[in-house]
């Protein structure tokens, strides 16, 4: 089949599948409110739909409009985001909401370049918001789109290189149904998510398979191709949960590191695994202050895209207040309202950890 005919076949059958077979239901599908579309797209960046759904509902309930989000205390927004990870998304969400509320009279921009200029929004998110909310003719290009196009058209150019990004972006916009960009973009996203899946794609029941080059050549699982490999670093974090008369010592993490703007317990970072049972590090902080050891946790492990984190937690009560630079005491009530990184919140919610601290 010639290239032009192949493209027409692809678009025609993709739209047919979307109208007749696509049963994927999500609360933001068909939504025209750019705020809700934007919120859903930011939540789903680097997050599975199954995990993001509950967060979306909670955010909409807490902040029904962009003005509500802009006026909310930042600690409340971060607490609601807790567990989603990649907290820069939340930071950008807050900044963009405040910018739109303050500088744009609360009105979400309706032109592609203006949407793209917003903090935390890239070409994919701008295309999604633009096409779904305003009918703007811009194609979404994400992992699902890379995969569908690479397989159907048999493209072996690596998707993570400059040439590949240009190739796939150009093809995606060439295929885009300019009269119904929102429907086309949604169809592409859903088709990649439920039919042309990364693993175990439904090739036998796929309406596009008879002209899919990867299917015909038997190399579906080899496409798309990535040329870069992620080099992961490792960090060891030892946290001390220090209690004095029902108050716990915490600090807010600063910029230029993971978990910016979130809170943490007293931290000692090590270059590698250490025997924590002797508490030598902690004794230096305490000086002559007497303490009672309540619990030493097993080693926890947490995976980020470029980082593997290991660490342990130690629960301690002290007889007298202590001074630790950068840390402050907070009550149990205040502590429960603070946003913590998942590495810490997993420990705090662990049912195997003794609960007699407070």
C-alpha atoms as a PDB file:
ATOM      1  CA  UNK A   1       0.000   0.000   0.000  1.00  0.00           C
ATOM      2  CA  UNK A   2       1.335   3.439  -0.957  1.00  0.00           C
ATOM      3  CA  UNK A   3       2.161   5.860   1.849  1.00  0.00           C
ATOM      4  CA  UNK A   4      -0.733   8.255   1.200  1.00  0.00           C
ATOM      5  CA  UNK A   5      -3.243   5.402   1.014  1.00  0.00           C
ATOM      6  CA  UNK A   6      -1.745   3.872   4.163  1.00  0.00           C
ATOM      7  CA  UNK A   7      -2.174   7.145   6.043  1.00  0.00           C
ATOM      8  CA  UNK A   8      -5.805   7.505   4.947  1.00  0.00           C
ATOM      9  CA  UNK A   9      -6.507   3.912   5.946  1.00  0.00           C
ATOM     10  CA  UNK A  10      -4.918   4.542   9.337  1.00  0.00           C
ATOM     11  CA  UNK A  11      -6.953   7.673  10.097  1.00  0.00           C
ATOM     12  CA  UNK A  12     -10.232   6.223   8.802  1.00  0.00           C
ATOM     13  CA  UNK A  13      -9.961   3.030  10.825  1.00  0.00           C
ATOM     14  CA  UNK A  14      -8.670   4.761  13.936  1.00  0.00           C
ATOM     15  CA  UNK A  15     -11.735   7.027  13.994  1.00  0.00           C
ATOM     16  CA  UNK A  16     -13.996   4.043  13.234  1.00  0.00           C
ATOM     17  CA  UNK A  17     -12.492   2.149  16.167  1.00  0.00           C
ATOM     18  CA  UNK A  18     -12.949   5.172  18.433  1.00  0.00           C
ATOM     19  CA  UNK A  19     -16.623   5.591  17.549  1.00  0.00           C
ATOM     20  CA  UNK A  20     -17.622   1.931  17.498  1.00  0.00           C
ATOM     21  CA  UNK A  21     -15.289   0.067  19.848  1.00  0.00           C
ATOM     22  CA  UNK A  22     -13.596   2.463  22.234  1.00  0.00           C
ATOM     23  CA  UNK A  23     -15.132   1.865  25.660  1.00  0.00           C
ATOM     24  CA  UNK A  24     -12.405   3.500  27.709  1.00  0.00           C
ATOM     25  CA  UNK A  25     -14.153   5.724  30.236  1.00  0.00           C
ATOM     26  CA  UNK A  26     -12.456   8.557  32.111  1.00  0.00           C
ATOM     27  CA  UNK A  27     -14.118  11.502  33.871  1.00  0.00           C
ATOM     28  CA  UNK A  28     -12.368  14.133  31.765  1.00  0.00           C
ATOM     29  CA  UNK A  29     -13.236  12.625  28.360  1.00  0.00           C
ATOM     30  CA  UNK A  30     -15.470  15.018  26.450  1.00  0.00           C
ATOM     31  CA  UNK A  31     -14.611  17.769  28.938  1.00  0.00           C
ATOM     32  CA  UNK A  32     -14.434  21.318  27.512  1.00  0.00           C
ATOM     33  CA  UNK A  33     -13.309  23.149  30.646  1.00  0.00           C
ATOM     34  CA  UNK A  34      -9.587  23.856  30.044  1.00  0.00           C
ATOM     35  CA  UNK A  35      -8.917  23.926  33.798  1.00  0.00           C
ATOM     36  CA  UNK A  36     -10.138  20.357  34.297  1.00  0.00           C
ATOM     37  CA  UNK A  37      -8.358  19.152  31.153  1.00  0.00           C
ATOM     38  CA  UNK A  38      -5.134  20.833  32.280  1.00  0.00           C
ATOM     39  CA  UNK A  39      -5.452  19.350  35.764  1.00  0.00           C
ATOM     40  CA  UNK A  40      -6.007  15.831  34.416  1.00  0.00           C
ATOM     41  CA  UNK A  41      -3.071  16.089  32.027  1.00  0.00           C
ATOM     42  CA  UNK A  42      -0.665  17.352  34.695  1.00  0.00           C
ATOM     43  CA  UNK A  43      -1.731  14.579  37.096  1.00  0.00           C
ATOM     44  CA  UNK A  44      -1.285  11.940  34.387  1.00  0.00           C
ATOM     45  CA  UNK A  45       2.219  13.079  33.461  1.00  0.00           C
ATOM     46  CA  UNK A  46       4.401  10.155  34.599  1.00  0.00           C
ATOM     47  CA  UNK A  47       1.426   8.646  36.461  1.00  0.00           C
ATOM     48  CA  UNK A  48      -0.755   5.663  35.587  1.00  0.00           C
ATOM     49  CA  UNK A  49      -4.439   6.420  34.981  1.00  0.00           C
ATOM     50  CA  UNK A  50      -5.508   3.951  37.676  1.00  0.00           C
ATOM     51  CA  UNK A  51      -3.492   5.899  40.245  1.00  0.00           C
ATOM     52  CA  UNK A  52      -4.357   9.360  38.931  1.00  0.00           C
ATOM     53  CA  UNK A  53      -8.145   8.978  38.912  1.00  0.00           C
ATOM     54  CA  UNK A  54      -8.638   9.371  42.648  1.00  0.00           C
ATOM     55  CA  UNK A  55      -6.270  12.338  42.766  1.00  0.00           C
ATOM     56  CA  UNK A  56      -8.198  14.041  39.968  1.00  0.00           C
ATOM     57  CA  UNK A  57     -11.503  13.637  41.816  1.00  0.00           C
ATOM     58  CA  UNK A  58      -9.994  14.902  45.066  1.00  0.00           C
ATOM     59  CA  UNK A  59      -8.467  17.962  43.399  1.00  0.00           C
ATOM     60  CA  UNK A  60     -11.705  18.872  41.633  1.00  0.00           C
ATOM     61  CA  UNK A  61     -13.627  18.479  44.886  1.00  0.00           C
ATOM     62  CA  UNK A  62     -11.135  20.618  46.823  1.00  0.00           C
ATOM     63  CA  UNK A  63     -10.481  23.179  44.069  1.00  0.00           C
ATOM     64  CA  UNK A  64     -13.456  23.296  41.637  1.00  0.00           C
ATOM     65  CA  UNK A  65     -12.014  26.268  39.711  1.00  0.00           C
ATOM     66  CA  UNK A  66      -8.584  27.601  38.949  1.00  0.00           C
ATOM     67  CA  UNK A  67      -9.282  30.512  41.296  1.00  0.00           C
ATOM     68  CA  UNK A  68      -9.836  28.089  44.182  1.00  0.00           C
ATOM     69  CA  UNK A  69      -6.511  26.415  43.412  1.00  0.00           C
ATOM     70  CA  UNK A  70      -4.701  29.753  43.144  1.00  0.00           C
ATOM     71  CA  UNK A  71      -5.966  30.907  46.554  1.00  0.00           C
ATOM     72  CA  UNK A  72      -5.306  27.632  48.386  1.00  0.00           C
ATOM     73  CA  UNK A  73      -2.426  27.395  50.908  1.00  0.00           C
ATOM     74  CA  UNK A  74       0.486  25.701  49.153  1.00  0.00           C
ATOM     75  CA  UNK A  75       0.946  23.184  51.963  1.00  0.00           C
ATOM     76  CA  UNK A  76      -2.673  22.043  51.427  1.00  0.00           C
ATOM     77  CA  UNK A  77      -2.095  21.541  47.690  1.00  0.00           C
ATOM     78  CA  UNK A  78       1.126  19.596  48.270  1.00  0.00           C
ATOM     79  CA  UNK A  79      -0.603  17.469  50.912  1.00  0.00           C
ATOM     80  CA  UNK A  80      -3.334  16.581  48.420  1.00  0.00           C
ATOM     81  CA  UNK A  81      -0.623  15.713  45.867  1.00  0.00           C
ATOM     82  CA  UNK A  82       1.234  13.525  48.383  1.00  0.00           C
ATOM     83  CA  UNK A  83       2.037  10.093  46.934  1.00  0.00           C
ATOM     84  CA  UNK A  84       1.899  11.100  43.259  1.00  0.00           C
ATOM     85  CA  UNK A  85       5.611  11.844  43.071  1.00  0.00           C
ATOM     86  CA  UNK A  86       7.429  14.149  40.638  1.00  0.00           C
ATOM     87  CA  UNK A  87       6.507  17.093  42.858  1.00  0.00           C
ATOM     88  CA  UNK A  88       7.767  19.678  40.368  1.00  0.00           C
ATOM     89  CA  UNK A  89       4.439  19.075  38.639  1.00  0.00           C
ATOM     90  CA  UNK A  90       2.618  20.268  41.748  1.00  0.00           C
ATOM     91  CA  UNK A  91       4.908  23.275  42.106  1.00  0.00           C
ATOM     92  CA  UNK A  92       4.223  24.258  38.485  1.00  0.00           C
ATOM     93  CA  UNK A  93       0.505  23.614  38.945  1.00  0.00           C
ATOM     94  CA  UNK A  94       0.392  26.148  41.775  1.00  0.00           C
ATOM     95  CA  UNK A  95       2.513  28.710  39.898  1.00  0.00           C
ATOM     96  CA  UNK A  96       0.380  28.468  36.754  1.00  0.00           C
ATOM     97  CA  UNK A  97      -2.897  28.724  38.682  1.00  0.00           C
ATOM     98  CA  UNK A  98      -1.662  31.878  40.430  1.00  0.00           C
ATOM     99  CA  UNK A  99      -0.433  33.360  37.141  1.00  0.00           C
ATOM    100  CA  UNK A 100      -3.755  32.772  35.360  1.00  0.00           C
ATOM    101  CA  UNK A 101      -5.760  34.040  38.327  1.00  0.00           C
ATOM    102  CA  UNK A 102      -3.645  37.155  38.854  1.00  0.00           C
ATOM    103  CA  UNK A 103      -2.433  38.115  35.379  1.00  0.00           C
ATOM    104  CA  UNK A 104      -5.057  36.647  33.024  1.00  0.00           C
ATOM    105  CA  UNK A 105      -8.197  37.496  35.034  1.00  0.00           C
ATOM    106  CA  UNK A 106      -8.721  33.817  35.787  1.00  0.00           C
ATOM    107  CA  UNK A 107      -9.232  32.959  32.114  1.00  0.00           C
ATOM    108  CA  UNK A 108      -7.281  30.052  30.669  1.00  0.00           C
ATOM    109  CA  UNK A 109      -5.542  31.093  27.395  1.00  0.00           C
ATOM    110  CA  UNK A 110      -7.181  29.729  24.237  1.00  0.00           C
ATOM    111  CA  UNK A 111      -4.279  29.915  21.781  1.00  0.00           C
ATOM    112  CA  UNK A 112      -1.680  27.164  21.437  1.00  0.00           C
ATOM    113  CA  UNK A 113       1.430  29.338  21.892  1.00  0.00           C
ATOM    114  CA  UNK A 114      -0.079  31.048  24.931  1.00  0.00           C
ATOM    115  CA  UNK A 115      -0.951  27.677  26.484  1.00  0.00           C
ATOM    116  CA  UNK A 116       2.546  26.396  25.704  1.00  0.00           C
ATOM    117  CA  UNK A 117       4.060  29.421  27.466  1.00  0.00           C
ATOM    118  CA  UNK A 118       2.491  28.418  30.797  1.00  0.00           C
ATOM    119  CA  UNK A 119       4.811  26.951  33.431  1.00  0.00           C
ATOM    120  CA  UNK A 120       4.919  23.146  33.411  1.00  0.00           C
ATOM    121  CA  UNK A 121       3.211  22.780  30.023  1.00  0.00           C
ATOM    122  CA  UNK A 122       5.028  21.234  27.065  1.00  0.00           C
ATOM    123  CA  UNK A 123       3.927  20.579  23.467  1.00  0.00           C
ATOM    124  CA  UNK A 124       1.951  17.422  24.349  1.00  0.00           C
ATOM    125  CA  UNK A 125      -0.073  19.035  27.144  1.00  0.00           C
ATOM    126  CA  UNK A 126      -0.603  22.222  25.127  1.00  0.00           C
ATOM    127  CA  UNK A 127      -1.902  20.143  22.189  1.00  0.00           C
ATOM    128  CA  UNK A 128      -4.225  18.157  24.458  1.00  0.00           C
ATOM    129  CA  UNK A 129      -5.701  21.257  26.119  1.00  0.00           C
ATOM    130  CA  UNK A 130      -5.874  23.163  22.839  1.00  0.00           C
ATOM    131  CA  UNK A 131      -7.596  20.406  20.871  1.00  0.00           C
ATOM    132  CA  UNK A 132      -9.978  19.195  23.601  1.00  0.00           C
ATOM    133  CA  UNK A 133     -11.050  22.585  24.971  1.00  0.00           C
ATOM    134  CA  UNK A 134     -10.759  24.865  21.951  1.00  0.00           C
ATOM    135  CA  UNK A 135     -10.618  22.637  18.856  1.00  0.00           C
ATOM    136  CA  UNK A 136      -7.094  23.783  17.955  1.00  0.00           C
ATOM    137  CA  UNK A 137      -5.444  21.620  15.236  1.00  0.00           C
ATOM    138  CA  UNK A 138      -2.381  20.340  17.089  1.00  0.00           C
ATOM    139  CA  UNK A 139      -1.528  16.659  17.437  1.00  0.00           C
ATOM    140  CA  UNK A 140      -0.591  15.101  20.770  1.00  0.00           C
ATOM    141  CA  UNK A 141       2.703  13.238  20.704  1.00  0.00           C
ATOM    142  CA  UNK A 142       3.429  11.074  23.747  1.00  0.00           C
ATOM    143  CA  UNK A 143       4.512   7.523  24.506  1.00  0.00           C
ATOM    144  CA  UNK A 144       1.266   6.058  23.200  1.00  0.00           C
ATOM    145  CA  UNK A 145       1.544   8.005  19.939  1.00  0.00           C
ATOM    146  CA  UNK A 146       5.224   7.102  19.461  1.00  0.00           C
ATOM    147  CA  UNK A 147       4.353   3.435  19.887  1.00  0.00           C
ATOM    148  CA  UNK A 148       1.320   3.374  17.581  1.00  0.00           C
ATOM    149  CA  UNK A 149       3.029   5.286  14.777  1.00  0.00           C
ATOM    150  CA  UNK A 150       6.334   3.394  15.069  1.00  0.00           C
ATOM    151  CA  UNK A 151       4.559   0.054  14.795  1.00  0.00           C
ATOM    152  CA  UNK A 152       1.965   0.849  12.155  1.00  0.00           C
ATOM    153  CA  UNK A 153       4.356   2.705   9.832  1.00  0.00           C
ATOM    154  CA  UNK A 154       7.404   0.561  10.700  1.00  0.00           C
ATOM    155  CA  UNK A 155       9.568   3.480  11.847  1.00  0.00           C
ATOM    156  CA  UNK A 156      12.881   2.416  13.395  1.00  0.00           C
ATOM    157  CA  UNK A 157      14.200   5.920  14.114  1.00  0.00           C
ATOM    158  CA  UNK A 158      14.830   6.152  17.903  1.00  0.00           C
ATOM    159  CA  UNK A 159      12.051   8.103  19.601  1.00  0.00           C
ATOM    160  CA  UNK A 160      14.364   9.717  22.167  1.00  0.00           C
ATOM    161  CA  UNK A 161      16.654  11.411  19.659  1.00  0.00           C
ATOM    162  CA  UNK A 162      16.194  14.804  18.027  1.00  0.00           C
ATOM    163  CA  UNK A 163      15.619  13.280  14.575  1.00  0.00           C
ATOM    164  CA  UNK A 164      13.023  10.873  15.935  1.00  0.00           C
ATOM    165  CA  UNK A 165      11.095  13.555  17.787  1.00  0.00           C
ATOM    166  CA  UNK A 166      10.922  15.650  14.615  1.00  0.00           C
ATOM    167  CA  UNK A 167       9.896  12.646  12.513  1.00  0.00           C
ATOM    168  CA  UNK A 168       7.078  11.532  14.794  1.00  0.00           C
ATOM    169  CA  UNK A 169       5.826  15.051  15.493  1.00  0.00           C
ATOM    170  CA  UNK A 170       5.690  15.832  11.790  1.00  0.00           C
ATOM    171  CA  UNK A 171       3.866  12.594  10.972  1.00  0.00           C
ATOM    172  CA  UNK A 172       1.408  13.016  13.855  1.00  0.00           C
ATOM    173  CA  UNK A 173       0.429  16.502  12.674  1.00  0.00           C
ATOM    174  CA  UNK A 174       0.211  15.308   9.073  1.00  0.00           C
ATOM    175  CA  UNK A 175      -2.253  12.578  10.100  1.00  0.00           C
ATOM    176  CA  UNK A 176      -4.293  14.863  12.374  1.00  0.00           C
ATOM    177  CA  UNK A 177      -7.944  15.301  11.442  1.00  0.00           C
ATOM    178  CA  UNK A 178      -8.005  19.109  11.368  1.00  0.00           C
ATOM    179  CA  UNK A 179     -11.817  19.243  11.504  1.00  0.00           C
ATOM    180  CA  UNK A 180     -12.005  17.098  14.639  1.00  0.00           C
ATOM    181  CA  UNK A 181      -8.604  17.340  16.347  1.00  0.00           C
ATOM    182  CA  UNK A 182      -9.982  16.569  19.806  1.00  0.00           C
ATOM    183  CA  UNK A 183     -11.621  13.323  18.726  1.00  0.00           C
ATOM    184  CA  UNK A 184      -8.557  12.255  16.754  1.00  0.00           C
ATOM    185  CA  UNK A 185      -6.157  12.991  19.620  1.00  0.00           C
ATOM    186  CA  UNK A 186      -8.344  11.144  22.111  1.00  0.00           C
ATOM    187  CA  UNK A 187      -8.572   8.182  19.746  1.00  0.00           C
ATOM    188  CA  UNK A 188      -4.775   8.025  19.412  1.00  0.00           C
ATOM    189  CA  UNK A 189      -4.256   8.183  23.164  1.00  0.00           C
ATOM    190  CA  UNK A 190      -6.889   5.529  23.891  1.00  0.00           C
ATOM    191  CA  UNK A 191      -5.822   3.215  21.074  1.00  0.00           C
ATOM    192  CA  UNK A 192      -2.251   3.187  22.361  1.00  0.00           C
ATOM    193  CA  UNK A 193      -3.448   2.583  25.909  1.00  0.00           C
ATOM    194  CA  UNK A 194      -5.907  -0.273  25.325  1.00  0.00           C
ATOM    195  CA  UNK A 195      -5.030  -1.917  21.977  1.00  0.00           C
ATOM    196  CA  UNK A 196      -1.474  -1.091  20.886  1.00  0.00           C
ATOM    197  CA  UNK A 197      -0.146  -1.599  24.413  1.00  0.00           C
ATOM    198  CA  UNK A 198       3.570  -1.711  25.307  1.00  0.00           C
ATOM    199  CA  UNK A 199       3.287  -5.348  26.334  1.00  0.00           C
ATOM    200  CA  UNK A 200       0.753  -7.904  25.080  1.00  0.00           C
ATOM    201  CA  UNK A 201      -0.777  -5.670  22.377  1.00  0.00           C
ATOM    202  CA  UNK A 202      -4.108  -6.893  20.993  1.00  0.00           C
ATOM    203  CA  UNK A 203      -2.835  -7.428  17.459  1.00  0.00           C
ATOM    204  CA  UNK A 204      -5.192 -10.331  16.669  1.00  0.00           C
ATOM    205  CA  UNK A 205      -8.272  -8.167  17.235  1.00  0.00           C
ATOM    206  CA  UNK A 206      -6.792  -4.886  15.977  1.00  0.00           C
ATOM    207  CA  UNK A 207      -8.616  -3.320  13.034  1.00  0.00           C
ATOM    208  CA  UNK A 208      -5.363  -1.790  11.783  1.00  0.00           C
ATOM    209  CA  UNK A 209      -3.224  -4.934  11.844  1.00  0.00           C
ATOM    210  CA  UNK A 210      -3.690  -5.948   8.204  1.00  0.00           C
ATOM    211  CA  UNK A 211      -1.689  -2.887   7.149  1.00  0.00           C
ATOM    212  CA  UNK A 212       0.535  -2.566  10.240  1.00  0.00           C
ATOM    213  CA  UNK A 213       4.142  -2.954   9.113  1.00  0.00           C
ATOM    214  CA  UNK A 214       5.387  -4.164  12.485  1.00  0.00           C
ATOM    215  CA  UNK A 215       2.653  -6.810  12.675  1.00  0.00           C
ATOM    216  CA  UNK A 216       3.315  -7.989   9.126  1.00  0.00           C
ATOM    217  CA  UNK A 217       7.060  -8.216   9.791  1.00  0.00           C
ATOM    218  CA  UNK A 218       6.652  -9.794  13.212  1.00  0.00           C
ATOM    219  CA  UNK A 219       8.618  -7.133  15.097  1.00  0.00           C
ATOM    220  CA  UNK A 220       5.854  -5.463  17.111  1.00  0.00           C
ATOM    221  CA  UNK A 221       7.702  -5.887  20.417  1.00  0.00           C
ATOM    222  CA  UNK A 222      10.882  -4.355  18.983  1.00  0.00           C
ATOM    223  CA  UNK A 223       9.201  -1.018  18.255  1.00  0.00           C
ATOM    224  CA  UNK A 224       9.474   1.787  19.139  1.00  0.00           C
ATOM    225  CA  UNK A 225      13.235   2.023  19.549  1.00  0.00           C
ATOM    226  CA  UNK A 226      15.083   4.007  22.219  1.00  0.00           C
ATOM    227  CA  UNK A 227      18.808   4.686  21.911  1.00  0.00           C
ATOM    228  CA  UNK A 228      19.514   6.089  25.356  1.00  0.00           C
ATOM    229  CA  UNK A 229      19.761   4.150  28.592  1.00  0.00           C
ATOM    230  CA  UNK A 230      19.057   5.660  31.987  1.00  0.00           C
ATOM    231  CA  UNK A 231      21.956   5.591  34.425  1.00  0.00           C
ATOM    232  CA  UNK A 232      20.563   5.327  37.947  1.00  0.00           C
ATOM    233  CA  UNK A 233      22.253   6.735  41.009  1.00  0.00           C
ATOM    234  CA  UNK A 234      21.798   5.453  44.556  1.00  0.00           C
ATOM    235  CA  UNK A 235      21.276   7.420  47.773  1.00  0.00           C
ATOM    236  CA  UNK A 236      21.089   6.248  51.385  1.00  0.00           C
ATOM    237  CA  UNK A 237      18.843   8.280  53.705  1.00  0.00           C
ATOM    238  CA  UNK A 238      18.593   7.636  57.435  1.00  0.00           C
ATOM    239  CA  UNK A 239      15.657   9.375  59.120  1.00  0.00           C
ATOM    240  CA  UNK A 240      15.147   9.988  62.820  1.00  0.00           C
ATOM    241  CA  UNK A 241      11.599  10.528  64.038  1.00  0.00           C
ATOM    242  CA  UNK A 242      12.303  12.459  67.227  1.00  0.00           C
ATOM    243  CA  UNK A 243       9.499  13.082  69.695  1.00  0.00           C
ATOM    244  CA  UNK A 244       9.483  15.495  72.617  1.00  0.00           C
ATOM    245  CA  UNK A 245       6.251  15.664  74.612  1.00  0.00           C
ATOM    246  CA  UNK A 246       4.061  14.838  71.603  1.00  0.00           C
ATOM    247  CA  UNK A 247       5.882  17.142  69.185  1.00  0.00           C
ATOM    248  CA  UNK A 248       8.031  15.946  66.291  1.00  0.00           C
ATOM    249  CA  UNK A 249      11.019  17.605  64.629  1.00  0.00           C
ATOM    250  CA  UNK A 250      10.641  18.309  60.893  1.00  0.00           C
ATOM    251  CA  UNK A 251      11.947  20.635  58.211  1.00  0.00           C
ATOM    252  CA  UNK A 252      10.872  21.758  54.760  1.00  0.00           C
ATOM    253  CA  UNK A 253      13.157  20.564  51.972  1.00  0.00           C
ATOM    254  CA  UNK A 254      14.787  23.268  49.890  1.00  0.00           C
ATOM    255  CA  UNK A 255      15.349  23.773  46.190  1.00  0.00           C
ATOM    256  CA  UNK A 256      17.697  21.996  43.778  1.00  0.00           C
ATOM    257  CA  UNK A 257      17.065  18.495  45.080  1.00  0.00           C
ATOM    258  CA  UNK A 258      14.375  15.837  45.078  1.00  0.00           C
ATOM    259  CA  UNK A 259      11.145  16.474  47.020  1.00  0.00           C
ATOM    260  CA  UNK A 260      11.420  20.259  46.926  1.00  0.00           C
ATOM    261  CA  UNK A 261       8.851  21.975  49.222  1.00  0.00           C
ATOM    262  CA  UNK A 262       7.932  18.726  50.979  1.00  0.00           C
ATOM    263  CA  UNK A 263       8.675  17.999  54.619  1.00  0.00           C
ATOM    264  CA  UNK A 264      10.984  15.444  56.189  1.00  0.00           C
ATOM    265  CA  UNK A 265      12.139  14.071  59.519  1.00  0.00           C
ATOM    266  CA  UNK A 266      15.659  14.619  60.853  1.00  0.00           C
ATOM    267  CA  UNK A 267      17.920  13.375  58.079  1.00  0.00           C
ATOM    268  CA  UNK A 268      21.429  11.961  58.010  1.00  0.00           C
ATOM    269  CA  UNK A 269      22.512  11.021  54.496  1.00  0.00           C
ATOM    270  CA  UNK A 270      25.253   8.462  53.953  1.00  0.00           C
ATOM    271  CA  UNK A 271      27.367   7.498  50.960  1.00  0.00           C
ATOM    272  CA  UNK A 272      26.398   3.868  51.460  1.00  0.00           C
ATOM    273  CA  UNK A 273      24.713   1.394  53.812  1.00  0.00           C
ATOM    274  CA  UNK A 274      25.596   1.725  57.466  1.00  0.00           C
ATOM    275  CA  UNK A 275      24.911  -0.161  60.682  1.00  0.00           C
ATOM    276  CA  UNK A 276      22.401   2.151  62.267  1.00  0.00           C
ATOM    277  CA  UNK A 277      21.757   0.227  65.463  1.00  0.00           C
ATOM    278  CA  UNK A 278      24.639   1.891  67.320  1.00  0.00           C
ATOM    279  CA  UNK A 279      23.033   5.330  66.672  1.00  0.00           C
ATOM    280  CA  UNK A 280      26.462   6.940  66.493  1.00  0.00           C
ATOM    281  CA  UNK A 281      25.290   9.645  64.083  1.00  0.00           C
ATOM    282  CA  UNK A 282      22.315  10.487  66.203  1.00  0.00           C
ATOM    283  CA  UNK A 283      24.236  10.574  69.474  1.00  0.00           C
ATOM    284  CA  UNK A 284      26.323  13.412  68.054  1.00  0.00           C
ATOM    285  CA  UNK A 285      23.135  15.430  67.563  1.00  0.00           C
ATOM    286  CA  UNK A 286      21.809  14.638  71.037  1.00  0.00           C
ATOM    287  CA  UNK A 287      24.889  15.343  73.038  1.00  0.00           C
ATOM    288  CA  UNK A 288      24.117  14.497  76.664  1.00  0.00           C
ATOM    289  CA  UNK A 289      20.351  14.559  76.218  1.00  0.00           C
ATOM    290  CA  UNK A 290      18.813  11.285  77.373  1.00  0.00           C
ATOM    291  CA  UNK A 291      16.597   9.415  74.924  1.00  0.00           C
ATOM    292  CA  UNK A 292      14.523   6.267  74.565  1.00  0.00           C
ATOM    293  CA  UNK A 293      14.762   4.123  71.458  1.00  0.00           C
ATOM    294  CA  UNK A 294      11.299   2.982  70.316  1.00  0.00           C
ATOM    295  CA  UNK A 295      11.888   1.398  66.932  1.00  0.00           C
ATOM    296  CA  UNK A 296      14.382   0.793  64.129  1.00  0.00           C
ATOM    297  CA  UNK A 297      12.729   0.028  60.820  1.00  0.00           C
ATOM    298  CA  UNK A 298      13.859  -2.440  58.182  1.00  0.00           C
ATOM    299  CA  UNK A 299      15.478  -0.980  55.070  1.00  0.00           C
ATOM    300  CA  UNK A 300      13.024   0.795  52.776  1.00  0.00           C
ATOM    301  CA  UNK A 301      13.543   1.078  49.016  1.00  0.00           C
ATOM    302  CA  UNK A 302      12.067   3.691  46.699  1.00  0.00           C
ATOM    303  CA  UNK A 303      12.522   3.928  42.920  1.00  0.00           C
ATOM    304  CA  UNK A 304      12.600   7.176  40.979  1.00  0.00           C
ATOM    305  CA  UNK A 305      13.342   7.524  37.265  1.00  0.00           C
ATOM    306  CA  UNK A 306      17.031   8.315  37.714  1.00  0.00           C
ATOM    307  CA  UNK A 307      17.487   7.353  41.328  1.00  0.00           C
ATOM    308  CA  UNK A 308      17.178   4.441  43.736  1.00  0.00           C
ATOM    309  CA  UNK A 309      16.732   5.454  47.362  1.00  0.00           C
ATOM    310  CA  UNK A 310      17.456   3.199  50.324  1.00  0.00           C
ATOM    311  CA  UNK A 311      17.056   4.099  53.941  1.00  0.00           C
ATOM    312  CA  UNK A 312      15.873   3.355  57.455  1.00  0.00           C
ATOM    313  CA  UNK A 313      13.809   5.092  60.102  1.00  0.00           C
ATOM    314  CA  UNK A 314      14.479   5.361  63.816  1.00  0.00           C
ATOM    315  CA  UNK A 315      11.843   6.380  66.378  1.00  0.00           C
ATOM    316  CA  UNK A 316      13.157   8.123  69.475  1.00  0.00           C
ATOM    317  CA  UNK A 317      11.784  10.173  72.361  1.00  0.00           C
ATOM    318  CA  UNK A 318      13.949  12.739  74.114  1.00  0.00           C
ATOM    319  CA  UNK A 319      13.624  14.014  77.678  1.00  0.00           C
ATOM    320  CA  UNK A 320      14.558  17.603  76.875  1.00  0.00           C
ATOM    321  CA  UNK A 321      14.063  19.771  73.766  1.00  0.00           C
ATOM    322  CA  UNK A 322      16.989  19.847  71.361  1.00  0.00           C
ATOM    323  CA  UNK A 323      18.282  22.358  68.835  1.00  0.00           C
ATOM    324  CA  UNK A 324      18.886  21.023  65.334  1.00  0.00           C
ATOM    325  CA  UNK A 325      19.651  23.650  62.712  1.00  0.00           C
ATOM    326  CA  UNK A 326      16.856  23.971  60.142  1.00  0.00           C
ATOM    327  CA  UNK A 327      14.379  21.829  62.080  1.00  0.00           C
ATOM    328  CA  UNK A 328      11.388  22.814  64.197  1.00  0.00           C
ATOM    329  CA  UNK A 329       8.949  21.002  66.479  1.00  0.00           C
ATOM    330  CA  UNK A 330       5.347  20.567  65.310  1.00  0.00           C
ATOM    331  CA  UNK A 331       2.324  19.132  67.090  1.00  0.00           C
ATOM    332  CA  UNK A 332       0.654  15.872  66.085  1.00  0.00           C
ATOM    333  CA  UNK A 333      -2.218  17.832  64.511  1.00  0.00           C
ATOM    334  CA  UNK A 334       0.147  20.002  62.451  1.00  0.00           C
ATOM    335  CA  UNK A 335       2.328  17.009  61.574  1.00  0.00           C
ATOM    336  CA  UNK A 336      -0.628  15.150  60.047  1.00  0.00           C
ATOM    337  CA  UNK A 337      -1.329  18.062  57.687  1.00  0.00           C
ATOM    338  CA  UNK A 338       2.195  18.286  56.293  1.00  0.00           C
ATOM    339  CA  UNK A 339       3.044  16.830  52.859  1.00  0.00           C
ATOM    340  CA  UNK A 340       5.803  14.218  52.953  1.00  0.00           C
ATOM    341  CA  UNK A 341       7.542  12.389  50.079  1.00  0.00           C
ATOM    342  CA  UNK A 342       6.223   8.905  49.468  1.00  0.00           C
ATOM    343  CA  UNK A 343       9.404   7.376  50.869  1.00  0.00           C
ATOM    344  CA  UNK A 344       8.518   8.857  54.263  1.00  0.00           C
ATOM    345  CA  UNK A 345       4.725   8.593  54.057  1.00  0.00           C
ATOM    346  CA  UNK A 346       5.048   4.871  53.284  1.00  0.00           C
ATOM    347  CA  UNK A 347       6.926   4.463  56.551  1.00  0.00           C
ATOM    348  CA  UNK A 348       4.474   6.636  58.494  1.00  0.00           C
ATOM    349  CA  UNK A 349       1.542   4.562  57.254  1.00  0.00           C
ATOM    350  CA  UNK A 350       3.275   1.199  57.768  1.00  0.00           C
ATOM    351  CA  UNK A 351       1.095  -0.864  60.091  1.00  0.00           C
ATOM    352  CA  UNK A 352       4.127  -2.806  61.282  1.00  0.00           C
ATOM    353  CA  UNK A 353       5.635   0.305  62.835  1.00  0.00           C
ATOM    354  CA  UNK A 354       4.784   0.835  66.546  1.00  0.00           C
ATOM    355  CA  UNK A 355       2.239   3.642  66.971  1.00  0.00           C
ATOM    356  CA  UNK A 356       3.130   4.633  70.508  1.00  0.00           C
ATOM    357  CA  UNK A 357       5.142   7.693  69.523  1.00  0.00           C
ATOM    358  CA  UNK A 358       2.376  10.232  69.989  1.00  0.00           C
END
